[in-house]
Amino acid sequence: MTSDRTVKSIQTALLTLVLLLAGAAVAQTPGQMPQSANIPKNMKQYFLCLLTKGDKWTPVQLADPRCGIISSSSASR
């Protein structure tokens, strides 16, 4: 009768340990947020592009409408 109690308590402890580990694994899995969760339905989508000066950057050449020639923006000042 003592070995039956020992086996039963080991099985109960093992089942409890497995349930605790499974619960911890499920709790750490991030949930999927729907993409439109925080966006109102009447909003339009826009594209935002941010530009920075890189290694190949050169000054922009602007056309002068008064004389019809192209001049460098830094050279005209």
Protein backbone atom coordinates (compact mmCIF):
# COMPACT_ATOMS: atom_id res chain seq x y z
CA MET A 1 0.00 0.00 0.00
CA THR A 2 2.93 2.32 0.63
CA SER A 3 4.28 1.85 -2.91
CA ASP A 4 0.83 2.71 -4.35
CA ARG A 5 0.82 5.96 -2.40
CA THR A 6 4.36 6.76 -3.53
CA VAL A 7 3.52 6.13 -7.19
CA LYS A 8 0.33 8.19 -6.90
CA SER A 9 2.14 11.13 -5.28
CA ILE A 10 4.93 11.01 -7.89
CA GLN A 11 2.35 10.98 -10.68
CA THR A 12 0.51 13.91 -9.10
CA ALA A 13 3.73 15.89 -8.66
CA LEU A 14 4.82 15.14 -12.23
CA LEU A 15 1.43 16.18 -13.64
CA THR A 16 1.54 19.41 -11.61
CA LEU A 17 5.05 20.17 -12.86
CA VAL A 18 4.06 19.53 -16.49
CA LEU A 19 0.99 21.78 -16.16
CA LEU A 20 3.04 24.57 -14.59
CA LEU A 21 5.69 24.40 -17.30
CA ALA A 22 3.07 24.32 -20.06
CA GLY A 23 1.31 27.33 -18.55
CA ALA A 24 4.57 29.25 -18.35
CA ALA A 25 5.38 28.43 -21.99
CA VAL A 26 1.96 29.59 -23.19
CA ALA A 27 2.14 32.78 -21.10
CA GLN A 28 5.47 33.77 -22.71
CA THR A 29 4.21 33.38 -26.28
CA PRO A 30 3.35 36.87 -27.63
CA GLY A 31 -0.15 37.26 -28.99
CA GLN A 32 -0.80 38.50 -32.51
CA MET A 33 -2.24 42.02 -32.57
CA PRO A 34 -4.56 42.65 -35.48
CA GLN A 35 -2.99 45.19 -37.82
CA SER A 36 -6.02 47.46 -37.78
CA ALA A 37 -6.57 47.38 -34.01
CA ASN A 38 -5.72 51.04 -33.33
CA ILE A 39 -6.53 52.56 -36.74
CA PRO A 40 -9.93 54.18 -37.30
CA LYS A 41 -11.87 52.88 -40.31
CA ASN A 42 -12.02 56.23 -42.15
CA MET A 43 -8.22 56.78 -42.25
CA LYS A 44 -6.18 56.73 -45.49
CA GLN A 45 -2.78 55.10 -45.80
CA TYR A 46 0.20 57.31 -46.62
CA PHE A 47 3.85 56.60 -47.37
CA LEU A 48 6.47 58.55 -45.44
CA CYS A 49 10.01 58.75 -46.80
CA LEU A 50 12.80 60.31 -44.72
CA LEU A 51 15.97 61.29 -46.57
CA THR A 52 19.40 61.99 -45.12
CA LYS A 53 22.65 63.18 -46.67
CA GLY A 54 24.81 60.22 -47.61
CA ASP A 55 28.25 59.70 -49.15
CA LYS A 56 27.01 60.36 -52.72
CA TRP A 57 25.02 63.51 -51.87
CA THR A 58 25.49 66.51 -54.14
CA PRO A 59 23.74 69.90 -53.92
CA VAL A 60 20.49 70.13 -55.88
CA GLN A 61 20.61 72.27 -59.02
CA LEU A 62 17.59 74.52 -59.35
CA ALA A 63 16.35 76.22 -62.52
CA ASP A 64 16.13 80.02 -62.32
CA PRO A 65 12.85 80.96 -64.02
CA ARG A 66 14.01 84.57 -64.68
CA CYS A 67 16.95 83.74 -66.91
CA GLY A 68 16.21 80.14 -67.98
CA ILE A 69 19.56 78.69 -66.90
CA ILE A 70 20.37 76.06 -64.35
CA SER A 71 22.52 77.21 -61.44
CA SER A 72 23.77 75.51 -58.30
CA SER A 73 21.84 76.57 -55.19
CA SER A 74 25.09 77.14 -53.28
CA ALA A 75 26.80 79.03 -56.15
CA SER A 76 23.94 81.51 -56.65
CA ARG A 77 24.24 82.88 -53.12
